[in-house]
């Protein structure tokens, strides 16, 4: 039972880490898209 508990905890920890990384990657990607869009809009506004 101890081994199973330890395995379960490790799965939970690894799952949490993976989920956190996935969510962060999604957030970072959206921020990069927003930044790129903002830069493009600013550049277009300056040119216009």
ModelCIF file with pLDDT and N, C-alpha, C, O atoms, coordinates in Angstrom:
data_MODEL
#
_entry.id   MODEL 
#
_entity.id                         1 
_entity.type                       polymer 
_entity.pdbx_number_of_molecules   1 
#
_entity_poly.entity_id                      1 
_entity_poly.type                           'polypeptide(L)' 
_entity_poly.nstd_linkage                   no 
_entity_poly.nstd_monomer                   no 
_entity_poly.pdbx_seq_one_letter_code       
;(UNK)(UNK)(UNK)(UNK)(UNK)(UNK)(UNK)(UNK)(UNK)(UNK)(UNK)(UNK)(UNK)(UNK)(UNK)(UNK)
(UNK)(UNK)(UNK)(UNK)(UNK)(UNK)(UNK)(UNK)(UNK)(UNK)(UNK)(UNK)(UNK)(UNK)(UNK)(UNK)
(UNK)(UNK)(UNK)(UNK)(UNK)(UNK)(UNK)(UNK)(UNK)(UNK)(UNK)(UNK)(UNK)(UNK)(UNK)(UNK)
;
_entity_poly.pdbx_seq_one_letter_code_can   XXXXXXXXXXXXXXXXXXXXXXXXXXXXXXXXXXXXXXXXXXXXXXXX 
_entity_poly.pdbx_strand_id                 A 
#
loop_
_entity_poly_seq.entity_id 
_entity_poly_seq.num 
_entity_poly_seq.mon_id 
_entity_poly_seq.hetero 
1 1  UNK n 
1 2  UNK n 
1 3  UNK n 
1 4  UNK n 
1 5  UNK n 
1 6  UNK n 
1 7  UNK n 
1 8  UNK n 
1 9  UNK n 
1 10 UNK n 
1 11 UNK n 
1 12 UNK n 
1 13 UNK n 
1 14 UNK n 
1 15 UNK n 
1 16 UNK n 
1 17 UNK n 
1 18 UNK n 
1 19 UNK n 
1 20 UNK n 
1 21 UNK n 
1 22 UNK n 
1 23 UNK n 
1 24 UNK n 
1 25 UNK n 
1 26 UNK n 
1 27 UNK n 
1 28 UNK n 
1 29 UNK n 
1 30 UNK n 
1 31 UNK n 
1 32 UNK n 
1 33 UNK n 
1 34 UNK n 
1 35 UNK n 
1 36 UNK n 
1 37 UNK n 
1 38 UNK n 
1 39 UNK n 
1 40 UNK n 
1 41 UNK n 
1 42 UNK n 
1 43 UNK n 
1 44 UNK n 
1 45 UNK n 
1 46 UNK n 
1 47 UNK n 
1 48 UNK n 
#
_struct_asym.id          A 
_struct_asym.entity_id   1 
#
loop_
_ma_qa_metric.id 
_ma_qa_metric.mode 
_ma_qa_metric.name 
_ma_qa_metric.software_group_id 
_ma_qa_metric.type 
1 global pLDDT . pLDDT 
2 local  pLDDT . pLDDT 
#
_ma_qa_metric_global.metric_id      1 
_ma_qa_metric_global.metric_value   57.27 
_ma_qa_metric_global.model_id       1 
_ma_qa_metric_global.ordinal_id     1 
#
loop_
_ma_qa_metric_local.label_asym_id 
_ma_qa_metric_local.label_comp_id 
_ma_qa_metric_local.label_seq_id 
_ma_qa_metric_local.metric_id 
_ma_qa_metric_local.metric_value 
_ma_qa_metric_local.model_id 
_ma_qa_metric_local.ordinal_id 
A UNK 1  2 66.00 1 1  
A UNK 2  2 61.00 1 2  
A UNK 3  2 67.00 1 3  
A UNK 4  2 63.00 1 4  
A UNK 5  2 68.00 1 5  
A UNK 6  2 68.00 1 6  
A UNK 7  2 68.00 1 7  
A UNK 8  2 64.00 1 8  
A UNK 9  2 65.00 1 9  
A UNK 10 2 66.00 1 10 
A UNK 11 2 66.00 1 11 
A UNK 12 2 60.00 1 12 
A UNK 13 2 68.00 1 13 
A UNK 14 2 60.00 1 14 
A UNK 15 2 60.00 1 15 
A UNK 16 2 62.00 1 16 
A UNK 17 2 58.00 1 17 
A UNK 18 2 57.00 1 18 
A UNK 19 2 58.00 1 19 
A UNK 20 2 58.00 1 20 
A UNK 21 2 56.00 1 21 
A UNK 22 2 59.00 1 22 
A UNK 23 2 55.00 1 23 
A UNK 24 2 55.00 1 24 
A UNK 25 2 55.00 1 25 
A UNK 26 2 60.00 1 26 
A UNK 27 2 57.00 1 27 
A UNK 28 2 51.00 1 28 
A UNK 29 2 52.00 1 29 
A UNK 30 2 57.00 1 30 
A UNK 31 2 56.00 1 31 
A UNK 32 2 52.00 1 32 
A UNK 33 2 53.00 1 33 
A UNK 34 2 56.00 1 34 
A UNK 35 2 49.00 1 35 
A UNK 36 2 48.00 1 36 
A UNK 37 2 54.00 1 37 
A UNK 38 2 55.00 1 38 
A UNK 39 2 47.00 1 39 
A UNK 40 2 52.00 1 40 
A UNK 41 2 57.00 1 41 
A UNK 42 2 48.00 1 42 
A UNK 43 2 49.00 1 43 
A UNK 44 2 46.00 1 44 
A UNK 45 2 48.00 1 45 
A UNK 46 2 49.00 1 46 
A UNK 47 2 52.00 1 47 
A UNK 48 2 58.00 1 48 
#
loop_
_atom_site.group_PDB 
_atom_site.id 
_atom_site.type_symbol 
_atom_site.label_atom_id 
_atom_site.label_alt_id 
_atom_site.label_comp_id 
_atom_site.label_asym_id 
_atom_site.label_entity_id 
_atom_site.label_seq_id 
_atom_site.pdbx_PDB_ins_code 
_atom_site.Cartn_x 
_atom_site.Cartn_y 
_atom_site.Cartn_z 
_atom_site.occupancy 
_atom_site.B_iso_or_equiv 
_atom_site.pdbx_formal_charge 
_atom_site.auth_seq_id 
_atom_site.auth_comp_id 
_atom_site.auth_asym_id 
_atom_site.auth_atom_id 
_atom_site.pdbx_PDB_model_num 
ATOM 1   N N  . UNK A 1 1  ? 0.832  -1.216 0.000   1.00 66.00 ? 1  UNK A N  1 
ATOM 2   C CA . UNK A 1 1  ? 0.000  0.000  0.000   1.00 66.00 ? 1  UNK A CA 1 
ATOM 3   C C  . UNK A 1 1  ? 0.861  1.259  0.000   1.00 66.00 ? 1  UNK A C  1 
ATOM 4   O O  . UNK A 1 1  ? 0.532  2.237  -0.670  1.00 66.00 ? 1  UNK A O  1 
ATOM 5   N N  . UNK A 1 2  ? 1.972  1.236  0.756   1.00 61.00 ? 2  UNK A N  1 
ATOM 6   C CA . UNK A 1 2  ? 2.881  2.391  0.814   1.00 61.00 ? 2  UNK A CA 1 
ATOM 7   C C  . UNK A 1 2  ? 3.459  2.681  -0.574  1.00 61.00 ? 2  UNK A C  1 
ATOM 8   O O  . UNK A 1 2  ? 3.553  3.823  -1.023  1.00 61.00 ? 2  UNK A O  1 
ATOM 9   N N  . UNK A 1 3  ? 3.845  1.567  -1.230  1.00 67.00 ? 3  UNK A N  1 
ATOM 10  C CA . UNK A 1 3  ? 4.407  1.736  -2.580  1.00 67.00 ? 3  UNK A CA 1 
ATOM 11  C C  . UNK A 1 3  ? 3.376  2.336  -3.519  1.00 67.00 ? 3  UNK A C  1 
ATOM 12  O O  . UNK A 1 3  ? 3.680  3.218  -4.323  1.00 67.00 ? 3  UNK A O  1 
ATOM 13  N N  . UNK A 1 4  ? 2.124  1.829  -3.397  1.00 63.00 ? 4  UNK A N  1 
ATOM 14  C CA . UNK A 1 4  ? 1.060  2.356  -4.259  1.00 63.00 ? 4  UNK A CA 1 
ATOM 15  C C  . UNK A 1 4  ? 0.792  3.832  -3.977  1.00 63.00 ? 4  UNK A C  1 
ATOM 16  O O  . UNK A 1 4  ? 0.569  4.635  -4.883  1.00 63.00 ? 4  UNK A O  1 
ATOM 17  N N  . UNK A 1 5  ? 0.823  4.159  -2.666  1.00 68.00 ? 5  UNK A N  1 
ATOM 18  C CA . UNK A 1 5  ? 0.603  5.560  -2.282  1.00 68.00 ? 5  UNK A CA 1 
ATOM 19  C C  . UNK A 1 5  ? 1.703  6.449  -2.857  1.00 68.00 ? 5  UNK A C  1 
ATOM 20  O O  . UNK A 1 5  ? 1.440  7.527  -3.392  1.00 68.00 ? 5  UNK A O  1 
ATOM 21  N N  . UNK A 1 6  ? 2.964  5.960  -2.730  1.00 68.00 ? 6  UNK A N  1 
ATOM 22  C CA . UNK A 1 6  ? 4.090  6.738  -3.250  1.00 68.00 ? 6  UNK A CA 1 
ATOM 23  C C  . UNK A 1 6  ? 3.967  6.916  -4.760  1.00 68.00 ? 6  UNK A C  1 
ATOM 24  O O  . UNK A 1 6  ? 4.175  8.007  -5.290  1.00 68.00 ? 6  UNK A O  1 
ATOM 25  N N  . UNK A 1 7  ? 3.622  5.810  -5.448  1.00 68.00 ? 7  UNK A N  1 
ATOM 26  C CA . UNK A 1 7  ? 3.441  5.884  -6.906  1.00 68.00 ? 7  UNK A CA 1 
ATOM 27  C C  . UNK A 1 7  ? 2.334  6.878  -7.259  1.00 68.00 ? 7  UNK A C  1 
ATOM 28  O O  . UNK A 1 7  ? 2.461  7.666  -8.196  1.00 68.00 ? 7  UNK A O  1 
ATOM 29  N N  . UNK A 1 8  ? 1.208  6.820  -6.460  1.00 64.00 ? 8  UNK A N  1 
ATOM 30  C CA . UNK A 1 8  ? 0.098  7.734  -6.699  1.00 64.00 ? 8  UNK A CA 1 
ATOM 31  C C  . UNK A 1 8  ? 0.511  9.187  -6.518  1.00 64.00 ? 8  UNK A C  1 
ATOM 32  O O  . UNK A 1 8  ? 0.158  10.062 -7.308  1.00 64.00 ? 8  UNK A O  1 
ATOM 33  N N  . UNK A 1 9  ? 1.290  9.419  -5.425  1.00 65.00 ? 9  UNK A N  1 
ATOM 34  C CA . UNK A 1 9  ? 1.749  10.783 -5.174  1.00 65.00 ? 9  UNK A CA 1 
ATOM 35  C C  . UNK A 1 9  ? 2.661  11.276 -6.298  1.00 65.00 ? 9  UNK A C  1 
ATOM 36  O O  . UNK A 1 9  ? 2.557  12.418 -6.749  1.00 65.00 ? 9  UNK A O  1 
ATOM 37  N N  . UNK A 1 10 ? 3.564  10.380 -6.744  1.00 66.00 ? 10 UNK A N  1 
ATOM 38  C CA . UNK A 1 10 ? 4.448  10.762 -7.839  1.00 66.00 ? 10 UNK A CA 1 
ATOM 39  C C  . UNK A 1 10 ? 3.672  11.085 -9.106  1.00 66.00 ? 10 UNK A C  1 
ATOM 40  O O  . UNK A 1 10 ? 3.992  12.032 -9.824  1.00 66.00 ? 10 UNK A O  1 
ATOM 41  N N  . UNK A 1 11 ? 2.621  10.261 -9.375  1.00 66.00 ? 11 UNK A N  1 
ATOM 42  C CA . UNK A 1 11 ? 1.789  10.528 -10.547 1.00 66.00 ? 11 UNK A CA 1 
ATOM 43  C C  . UNK A 1 11 ? 1.077  11.879 -10.435 1.00 66.00 ? 11 UNK A C  1 
ATOM 44  O O  . UNK A 1 11 ? 0.977  12.640 -11.397 1.00 66.00 ? 11 UNK A O  1 
ATOM 45  N N  . UNK A 1 12 ? 0.584  12.147 -9.208  1.00 60.00 ? 12 UNK A N  1 
ATOM 46  C CA . UNK A 1 12 ? -0.090 13.426 -8.981  1.00 60.00 ? 12 UNK A CA 1 
ATOM 47  C C  . UNK A 1 12 ? 0.885  14.585 -9.186  1.00 60.00 ? 12 UNK A C  1 
ATOM 48  O O  . UNK A 1 12 ? 0.552  15.586 -9.820  1.00 60.00 ? 12 UNK A O  1 
ATOM 49  N N  . UNK A 1 13 ? 2.124  14.431 -8.626  1.00 68.00 ? 13 UNK A N  1 
ATOM 50  C CA . UNK A 1 13 ? 3.127  15.497 -8.739  1.00 68.00 ? 13 UNK A CA 1 
ATOM 51  C C  . UNK A 1 13 ? 3.517  15.710 -10.197 1.00 68.00 ? 13 UNK A C  1 
ATOM 52  O O  . UNK A 1 13 ? 3.537  16.838 -10.688 1.00 68.00 ? 13 UNK A O  1 
ATOM 53  N N  . UNK A 1 14 ? 3.832  14.592 -10.893 1.00 60.00 ? 14 UNK A N  1 
ATOM 54  C CA . UNK A 1 14 ? 4.203  14.727 -12.297 1.00 60.00 ? 14 UNK A CA 1 
ATOM 55  C C  . UNK A 1 14 ? 3.052  15.274 -13.140 1.00 60.00 ? 14 UNK A C  1 
ATOM 56  O O  . UNK A 1 14 ? 3.266  16.074 -14.051 1.00 60.00 ? 14 UNK A O  1 
ATOM 57  N N  . UNK A 1 15 ? 1.845  14.841 -12.832 1.00 60.00 ? 15 UNK A N  1 
ATOM 58  C CA . UNK A 1 15 ? 0.678  15.331 -13.558 1.00 60.00 ? 15 UNK A CA 1 
ATOM 59  C C  . UNK A 1 15 ? 0.486  16.825 -13.346 1.00 60.00 ? 15 UNK A C  1 
ATOM 60  O O  . UNK A 1 15 ? 0.185  17.569 -14.280 1.00 60.00 ? 15 UNK A O  1 
ATOM 61  N N  . UNK A 1 16 ? 0.666  17.249 -12.095 1.00 62.00 ? 16 UNK A N  1 
ATOM 62  C CA . UNK A 1 16 ? 0.515  18.678 -11.779 1.00 62.00 ? 16 UNK A CA 1 
ATOM 63  C C  . UNK A 1 16 ? 1.571  19.506 -12.502 1.00 62.00 ? 16 UNK A C  1 
ATOM 64  O O  . UNK A 1 16 ? 1.293  20.560 -13.075 1.00 62.00 ? 16 UNK A O  1 
ATOM 65  N N  . UNK A 1 17 ? 2.824  18.971 -12.449 1.00 58.00 ? 17 UNK A N  1 
ATOM 66  C CA . UNK A 1 17 ? 3.912  19.684 -13.137 1.00 58.00 ? 17 UNK A CA 1 
ATOM 67  C C  . UNK A 1 17 ? 3.627  19.783 -14.632 1.00 58.00 ? 17 UNK A C  1 
ATOM 68  O O  . UNK A 1 17 ? 3.789  20.846 -15.232 1.00 58.00 ? 17 UNK A O  1 
ATOM 69  N N  . UNK A 1 18 ? 3.207  18.682 -15.225 1.00 57.00 ? 18 UNK A N  1 
ATOM 70  C CA . UNK A 1 18 ? 2.911  18.687 -16.657 1.00 57.00 ? 18 UNK A CA 1 
ATOM 71  C C  . UNK A 1 18 ? 1.786  19.648 -16.994 1.00 57.00 ? 18 UNK A C  1 
ATOM 72  O O  . UNK A 1 18 ? 1.865  20.421 -17.949 1.00 57.00 ? 18 UNK A O  1 
ATOM 73  N N  . UNK A 1 19 ? 0.713  19.578 -16.170 1.00 58.00 ? 19 UNK A N  1 
ATOM 74  C CA . UNK A 1 19 ? -0.429 20.468 -16.403 1.00 58.00 ? 19 UNK A CA 1 
ATOM 75  C C  . UNK A 1 19 ? -0.004 21.935 -16.272 1.00 58.00 ? 19 UNK A C  1 
ATOM 76  O O  . UNK A 1 19 ? -0.387 22.787 -17.073 1.00 58.00 ? 19 UNK A O  1 
ATOM 77  N N  . UNK A 1 20 ? 0.800  22.200 -15.234 1.00 58.00 ? 20 UNK A N  1 
ATOM 78  C CA . UNK A 1 20 ? 1.273  23.570 -15.034 1.00 58.00 ? 20 UNK A CA 1 
ATOM 79  C C  . UNK A 1 20 ? 2.107  24.051 -16.217 1.00 58.00 ? 20 UNK A C  1 
ATOM 80  O O  . UNK A 1 20 ? 1.941  25.174 -16.694 1.00 58.00 ? 20 UNK A O  1 
ATOM 81  N N  . UNK A 1 21 ? 3.004  23.187 -16.682 1.00 56.00 ? 21 UNK A N  1 
ATOM 82  C CA . UNK A 1 21 ? 3.840  23.549 -17.833 1.00 56.00 ? 21 UNK A CA 1 
ATOM 83  C C  . UNK A 1 21 ? 2.993  23.781 -19.071 1.00 56.00 ? 21 UNK A C  1 
ATOM 84  O O  . UNK A 1 21 ? 3.230  24.721 -19.829 1.00 56.00 ? 21 UNK A O  1 
ATOM 85  N N  . UNK A 1 22 ? 2.001  22.915 -19.271 1.00 59.00 ? 22 UNK A N  1 
ATOM 86  C CA . UNK A 1 22 ? 1.116  23.032 -20.443 1.00 59.00 ? 22 UNK A CA 1 
ATOM 87  C C  . UNK A 1 22 ? 0.352  24.354 -20.405 1.00 59.00 ? 22 UNK A C  1 
ATOM 88  O O  . UNK A 1 22 ? 0.270  25.076 -21.399 1.00 59.00 ? 22 UNK A O  1 
ATOM 89  N N  . UNK A 1 23 ? -0.207 24.653 -19.220 1.00 55.00 ? 23 UNK A N  1 
ATOM 90  C CA . UNK A 1 23 ? -0.973 25.900 -19.084 1.00 55.00 ? 23 UNK A CA 1 
ATOM 91  C C  . UNK A 1 23 ? -0.067 27.117 -19.273 1.00 55.00 ? 23 UNK A C  1 
ATOM 92  O O  . UNK A 1 23 ? -0.456 28.103 -19.899 1.00 55.00 ? 23 UNK A O  1 
ATOM 93  N N  . UNK A 1 24 ? 1.157  27.030 -18.718 1.00 55.00 ? 24 UNK A N  1 
ATOM 94  C CA . UNK A 1 24 ? 2.090  28.152 -18.876 1.00 55.00 ? 24 UNK A CA 1 
ATOM 95  C C  . UNK A 1 24 ? 2.463  28.338 -20.341 1.00 55.00 ? 24 UNK A C  1 
ATOM 96  O O  . UNK A 1 24 ? 2.526  29.463 -20.837 1.00 55.00 ? 24 UNK A O  1 
ATOM 97  N N  . UNK A 1 25 ? 2.711  27.219 -21.034 1.00 55.00 ? 25 UNK A N  1 
ATOM 98  C CA . UNK A 1 25 ? 3.067  27.289 -22.451 1.00 55.00 ? 25 UNK A CA 1 
ATOM 99  C C  . UNK A 1 25 ? 1.946  27.927 -23.258 1.00 55.00 ? 25 UNK A C  1 
ATOM 100 O O  . UNK A 1 25 ? 2.191  28.740 -24.149 1.00 55.00 ? 25 UNK A O  1 
ATOM 101 N N  . UNK A 1 26 ? 0.694  27.544 -22.930 1.00 60.00 ? 26 UNK A N  1 
ATOM 102 C CA . UNK A 1 26 ? -0.454 28.134 -23.624 1.00 60.00 ? 26 UNK A CA 1 
ATOM 103 C C  . UNK A 1 26 ? -0.548 29.627 -23.350 1.00 60.00 ? 26 UNK A C  1 
ATOM 104 O O  . UNK A 1 26 ? -0.811 30.422 -24.252 1.00 60.00 ? 26 UNK A O  1 
ATOM 105 N N  . UNK A 1 27 ? -0.328 29.999 -22.085 1.00 57.00 ? 27 UNK A N  1 
ATOM 106 C CA . UNK A 1 27 ? -0.396 31.410 -21.692 1.00 57.00 ? 27 UNK A CA 1 
ATOM 107 C C  . UNK A 1 27 ? 0.697  32.209 -22.396 1.00 57.00 ? 27 UNK A C  1 
ATOM 108 O O  . UNK A 1 27 ? 0.451  33.293 -22.926 1.00 57.00 ? 27 UNK A O  1 
ATOM 109 N N  . UNK A 1 28 ? 1.931  31.642 -22.391 1.00 51.00 ? 28 UNK A N  1 
ATOM 110 C CA . UNK A 1 28 ? 3.048  32.339 -23.025 1.00 51.00 ? 28 UNK A CA 1 
ATOM 111 C C  . UNK A 1 28 ? 2.798  32.512 -24.515 1.00 51.00 ? 28 UNK A C  1 
ATOM 112 O O  . UNK A 1 28 ? 3.095  33.562 -25.085 1.00 51.00 ? 28 UNK A O  1 
ATOM 113 N N  . UNK A 1 29 ? 2.252  31.477 -25.140 1.00 52.00 ? 29 UNK A N  1 
ATOM 114 C CA . UNK A 1 29 ? 1.961  31.561 -26.572 1.00 52.00 ? 29 UNK A CA 1 
ATOM 115 C C  . UNK A 1 29 ? 0.935  32.652 -26.857 1.00 52.00 ? 29 UNK A C  1 
ATOM 116 O O  . UNK A 1 29 ? 1.070  33.410 -27.818 1.00 52.00 ? 29 UNK A O  1 
ATOM 117 N N  . UNK A 1 30 ? -0.100 32.723 -26.005 1.00 57.00 ? 30 UNK A N  1 
ATOM 118 C CA . UNK A 1 30 ? -1.132 33.749 -26.212 1.00 57.00 ? 30 UNK A CA 1 
ATOM 119 C C  . UNK A 1 30 ? -0.559 35.139 -25.999 1.00 57.00 ? 30 UNK A C  1 
ATOM 120 O O  . UNK A 1 30 ? -0.920 36.079 -26.706 1.00 57.00 ? 30 UNK A O  1 
ATOM 121 N N  . UNK A 1 31 ? 0.346  35.271 -25.013 1.00 56.00 ? 31 UNK A N  1 
ATOM 122 C CA . UNK A 1 31 ? 0.969  36.571 -24.766 1.00 56.00 ? 31 UNK A CA 1 
ATOM 123 C C  . UNK A 1 31 ? 1.844  36.990 -25.943 1.00 56.00 ? 31 UNK A C  1 
ATOM 124 O O  . UNK A 1 31 ? 1.865  38.154 -26.341 1.00 56.00 ? 31 UNK A O  1 
ATOM 125 N N  . UNK A 1 32 ? 2.570  36.009 -26.492 1.00 52.00 ? 32 UNK A N  1 
ATOM 126 C CA . UNK A 1 32 ? 3.412  36.311 -27.643 1.00 52.00 ? 32 UNK A CA 1 
ATOM 127 C C  . UNK A 1 32 ? 2.573  36.743 -28.838 1.00 52.00 ? 32 UNK A C  1 
ATOM 128 O O  . UNK A 1 32 ? 2.938  37.658 -29.576 1.00 52.00 ? 32 UNK A O  1 
ATOM 129 N N  . UNK A 1 33 ? 1.429  36.060 -29.014 1.00 53.00 ? 33 UNK A N  1 
ATOM 130 C CA . UNK A 1 33 ? 0.539  36.424 -30.111 1.00 53.00 ? 33 UNK A CA 1 
ATOM 131 C C  . UNK A 1 33 ? -0.010 37.831 -29.918 1.00 53.00 ? 33 UNK A C  1 
ATOM 132 O O  . UNK A 1 33 ? -0.073 38.623 -30.858 1.00 53.00 ? 33 UNK A O  1 
ATOM 133 N N  . UNK A 1 34 ? -0.412 38.135 -28.663 1.00 56.00 ? 34 UNK A N  1 
ATOM 134 C CA . UNK A 1 34 ? -0.942 39.459 -28.377 1.00 56.00 ? 34 UNK A CA 1 
ATOM 135 C C  . UNK A 1 34 ? 0.128  40.527 -28.583 1.00 56.00 ? 34 UNK A C  1 
ATOM 136 O O  . UNK A 1 34 ? -0.146 41.604 -29.112 1.00 56.00 ? 34 UNK A O  1 
ATOM 137 N N  . UNK A 1 35 ? 1.368  40.208 -28.150 1.00 49.00 ? 35 UNK A N  1 
ATOM 138 C CA . UNK A 1 35 ? 2.469  41.164 -28.317 1.00 49.00 ? 35 UNK A CA 1 
ATOM 139 C C  . UNK A 1 35 ? 2.755  41.394 -29.794 1.00 49.00 ? 35 UNK A C  1 
ATOM 140 O O  . UNK A 1 35 ? 2.916  42.529 -30.243 1.00 49.00 ? 35 UNK A O  1 
ATOM 141 N N  . UNK A 1 36 ? 2.816  40.292 -30.544 1.00 48.00 ? 36 UNK A N  1 
ATOM 142 C CA . UNK A 1 36 ? 3.079  40.420 -31.978 1.00 48.00 ? 36 UNK A CA 1 
ATOM 143 C C  . UNK A 1 36 ? 1.981  41.214 -32.660 1.00 48.00 ? 36 UNK A C  1 
ATOM 144 O O  . UNK A 1 36 ? 2.243  42.053 -33.522 1.00 48.00 ? 36 UNK A O  1 
ATOM 145 N N  . UNK A 1 37 ? 0.731  40.932 -32.255 1.00 54.00 ? 37 UNK A N  1 
ATOM 146 C CA . UNK A 1 37 ? -0.396 41.669 -32.823 1.00 54.00 ? 37 UNK A CA 1 
ATOM 147 C C  . UNK A 1 37 ? -0.322 43.138 -32.467 1.00 54.00 ? 37 UNK A C  1 
ATOM 148 O O  . UNK A 1 37 ? -0.593 44.011 -33.292 1.00 54.00 ? 37 UNK A O  1 
ATOM 149 N N  . UNK A 1 38 ? 0.058  43.401 -31.200 1.00 55.00 ? 38 UNK A N  1 
ATOM 150 C CA . UNK A 1 38 ? 0.173  44.787 -30.750 1.00 55.00 ? 38 UNK A CA 1 
ATOM 151 C C  . UNK A 1 38 ? 1.249  45.527 -31.517 1.00 55.00 ? 38 UNK A C  1 
ATOM 152 O O  . UNK A 1 38 ? 1.058  46.672 -31.929 1.00 55.00 ? 38 UNK A O  1 
ATOM 153 N N  . UNK A 1 39 ? 2.404  44.856 -31.711 1.00 47.00 ? 39 UNK A N  1 
ATOM 154 C CA . UNK A 1 39 ? 3.495  45.474 -32.465 1.00 47.00 ? 39 UNK A CA 1 
ATOM 155 C C  . UNK A 1 39 ? 3.063  45.759 -33.894 1.00 47.00 ? 39 UNK A C  1 
ATOM 156 O O  . UNK A 1 39 ? 3.343  46.823 -34.445 1.00 47.00 ? 39 UNK A O  1 
ATOM 157 N N  . UNK A 1 40 ? 2.368  44.777 -34.488 1.00 52.00 ? 40 UNK A N  1 
ATOM 158 C CA . UNK A 1 40 ? 1.904  44.954 -35.866 1.00 52.00 ? 40 UNK A CA 1 
ATOM 159 C C  . UNK A 1 40 ? 0.922  46.112 -35.972 1.00 52.00 ? 40 UNK A C  1 
ATOM 160 O O  . UNK A 1 40 ? 0.982  46.914 -36.903 1.00 52.00 ? 40 UNK A O  1 
ATOM 161 N N  . UNK A 1 41 ? 0.005  46.184 -34.988 1.00 57.00 ? 41 UNK A N  1 
ATOM 162 C CA . UNK A 1 41 ? -0.975 47.264 -35.005 1.00 57.00 ? 41 UNK A CA 1 
ATOM 163 C C  . UNK A 1 41 ? -0.301 48.610 -34.800 1.00 57.00 ? 41 UNK A C  1 
ATOM 164 O O  . UNK A 1 41 ? -0.648 49.597 -35.450 1.00 57.00 ? 41 UNK A O  1 
ATOM 165 N N  . UNK A 1 42 ? 0.683  48.643 -33.874 1.00 48.00 ? 42 UNK A N  1 
ATOM 166 C CA . UNK A 1 42 ? 1.392  49.896 -33.619 1.00 48.00 ? 42 UNK A CA 1 
ATOM 167 C C  . UNK A 1 42 ? 2.161  50.334 -34.855 1.00 48.00 ? 42 UNK A C  1 
ATOM 168 O O  . UNK A 1 42 ? 2.141  51.505 -35.231 1.00 48.00 ? 42 UNK A O  1 
ATOM 169 N N  . UNK A 1 43 ? 2.852  49.362 -35.492 1.00 49.00 ? 43 UNK A N  1 
ATOM 170 C CA . UNK A 1 43 ? 3.605  49.678 -36.703 1.00 49.00 ? 43 UNK A CA 1 
ATOM 171 C C  . UNK A 1 43 ? 2.687  50.185 -37.795 1.00 49.00 ? 43 UNK A C  1 
ATOM 172 O O  . UNK A 1 43 ? 3.001  51.147 -38.495 1.00 49.00 ? 43 UNK A O  1 
ATOM 173 N N  . UNK A 1 44 ? 1.531  49.514 -37.934 1.00 46.00 ? 44 UNK A N  1 
ATOM 174 C CA . UNK A 1 44 ? 0.571  49.942 -38.944 1.00 46.00 ? 44 UNK A CA 1 
ATOM 175 C C  . UNK A 1 44 ? 0.041  51.330 -38.653 1.00 46.00 ? 44 UNK A C  1 
ATOM 176 O O  . UNK A 1 44 ? -0.140 52.147 -39.555 1.00 46.00 ? 44 UNK A O  1 
ATOM 177 N N  . UNK A 1 45 ? -0.208 51.587 -37.356 1.00 48.00 ? 45 UNK A N  1 
ATOM 178 C CA . UNK A 1 45 ? -0.727 52.901 -36.970 1.00 48.00 ? 45 UNK A CA 1 
ATOM 179 C C  . UNK A 1 45 ? 0.286  53.993 -37.261 1.00 48.00 ? 45 UNK A C  1 
ATOM 180 O O  . UNK A 1 45 ? -0.068 55.075 -37.729 1.00 48.00 ? 45 UNK A O  1 
ATOM 181 N N  . UNK A 1 46 ? 1.580  53.693 -36.974 1.00 49.00 ? 46 UNK A N  1 
ATOM 182 C CA . UNK A 1 46 ? 2.628  54.674 -37.249 1.00 49.00 ? 46 UNK A CA 1 
ATOM 183 C C  . UNK A 1 46 ? 2.716  54.945 -38.743 1.00 49.00 ? 46 UNK A C  1 
ATOM 184 O O  . UNK A 1 46 ? 2.801  56.093 -39.180 1.00 49.00 ? 46 UNK A O  1 
ATOM 185 N N  . UNK A 1 47 ? 2.693  53.846 -39.530 1.00 52.00 ? 47 UNK A N  1 
ATOM 186 C CA . UNK A 1 47 ? 2.777  54.003 -40.971 1.00 52.00 ? 47 UNK A CA 1 
ATOM 187 C C  . UNK A 1 47 ? 1.584  54.765 -41.516 1.00 52.00 ? 47 UNK A C  1 
ATOM 188 O O  . UNK A 1 47 ? 1.730  55.599 -42.410 1.00 52.00 ? 47 UNK A O  1 
ATOM 189 N N  . UNK A 1 48 ? 0.393  54.479 -40.979 1.00 58.00 ? 48 UNK A N  1 
ATOM 190 C CA . UNK A 1 48 ? -0.806 55.149 -41.445 1.00 58.00 ? 48 UNK A CA 1 
ATOM 191 C C  . UNK A 1 48 ? -0.788 56.624 -41.077 1.00 58.00 ? 48 UNK A C  1 
ATOM 192 O O  . UNK A 1 48 ? -1.730 57.351 -41.394 1.00 58.00 ? 48 UNK A O  1 
#
